[in-house]
Amino acid sequence: MSKPTKDETVVCAVRMDCIYGKHDDVIELPAPEAQAAQDAGFVDTHPNAIAAIRGHKPADGSTP
């Protein structure tokens, strides 16, 4: 994830039941909070993680 800006929101995949939601929820967080949540291991902001939950093809074109 690039350096977040204060006003930006980031789509995140929740990795475990926690304060951000249930495992496999897809949520949006303010960029600084998303970075902190990712650093702590609560969420994943990689496009392939979100695609896997949503049932779409991964962003890099690979097959699961």
Protein backbone atom coordinates (compact mmCIF):
# COMPACT_ATOMS: atom_id res chain seq x y z
CA MET A 1 0.00 0.00 0.00
CA SER A 2 1.37 3.42 -0.87
CA LYS A 3 1.58 6.25 1.65
CA PRO A 4 -2.02 6.99 2.62
CA THR A 5 -3.55 10.43 2.54
CA LYS A 6 -5.82 11.64 5.31
CA ASP A 7 -8.96 11.89 3.15
CA GLU A 8 -8.50 8.70 1.15
CA THR A 9 -10.48 5.54 1.93
CA VAL A 10 -9.15 2.06 1.31
CA VAL A 11 -11.06 -1.15 0.58
CA CYS A 12 -9.95 -3.90 2.95
CA ALA A 13 -10.55 -7.61 3.43
CA VAL A 14 -11.04 -8.48 7.11
CA ARG A 15 -8.70 -11.36 7.98
CA MET A 16 -10.28 -12.41 11.30
CA ASP A 17 -13.24 -11.60 13.54
CA CYS A 18 -12.19 -8.36 15.20
CA ILE A 19 -13.21 -4.75 15.79
CA TYR A 20 -13.31 -4.21 12.02
CA GLY A 21 -15.85 -6.93 11.29
CA LYS A 22 -16.13 -10.64 10.66
CA HIS A 23 -13.66 -12.80 8.75
CA ASP A 24 -14.04 -12.25 4.99
CA ASP A 25 -16.00 -9.00 5.28
CA VAL A 26 -15.02 -6.37 2.73
CA ILE A 27 -14.95 -2.92 4.31
CA GLU A 28 -13.68 0.60 3.68
CA LEU A 29 -11.52 2.44 6.18
CA PRO A 30 -9.83 5.84 6.22
CA ALA A 31 -6.35 5.35 4.77
CA PRO A 32 -4.36 5.90 7.99
CA GLU A 33 -6.61 3.47 9.89
CA ALA A 34 -6.39 0.91 7.07
CA GLN A 35 -2.59 1.10 7.20
CA ALA A 36 -2.58 0.59 10.98
CA ALA A 37 -5.09 -2.28 10.75
CA GLN A 38 -3.03 -3.95 8.03
CA ASP A 39 0.19 -3.51 10.01
CA ALA A 40 -1.55 -5.19 12.97
CA GLY A 41 -2.74 -8.08 10.78
CA PHE A 42 -6.46 -7.39 11.04
CA VAL A 43 -7.06 -6.55 7.37
CA ASP A 44 -5.51 -7.08 3.96
CA THR A 45 -5.61 -4.31 1.37
CA HIS A 46 -4.18 -6.29 -1.54
CA PRO A 47 -6.58 -6.35 -4.52
CA ASN A 48 -6.31 -10.15 -4.76
CA ALA A 49 -7.53 -10.55 -1.17
CA ILE A 50 -10.60 -8.46 -1.91
CA ALA A 51 -11.18 -10.28 -5.22
CA ALA A 52 -10.99 -13.67 -3.51
CA ILE A 53 -13.72 -12.69 -1.08
CA ARG A 54 -15.88 -11.15 -3.79
CA GLY A 55 -15.39 -14.19 -6.03
CA HIS A 56 -13.66 -12.32 -8.83
CA LYS A 57 -10.55 -13.09 -10.81
CA PRO A 58 -7.39 -11.88 -8.99
CA ALA A 59 -6.00 -8.54 -10.18
CA ASP A 60 -2.81 -10.17 -11.49
CA GLY A 61 -4.80 -12.52 -13.76
CA SER A 62 -3.64 -15.68 -11.97
CA THR A 63 -5.99 -18.51 -11.11
CA PRO A 64 -6.54 -19.53 -7.50
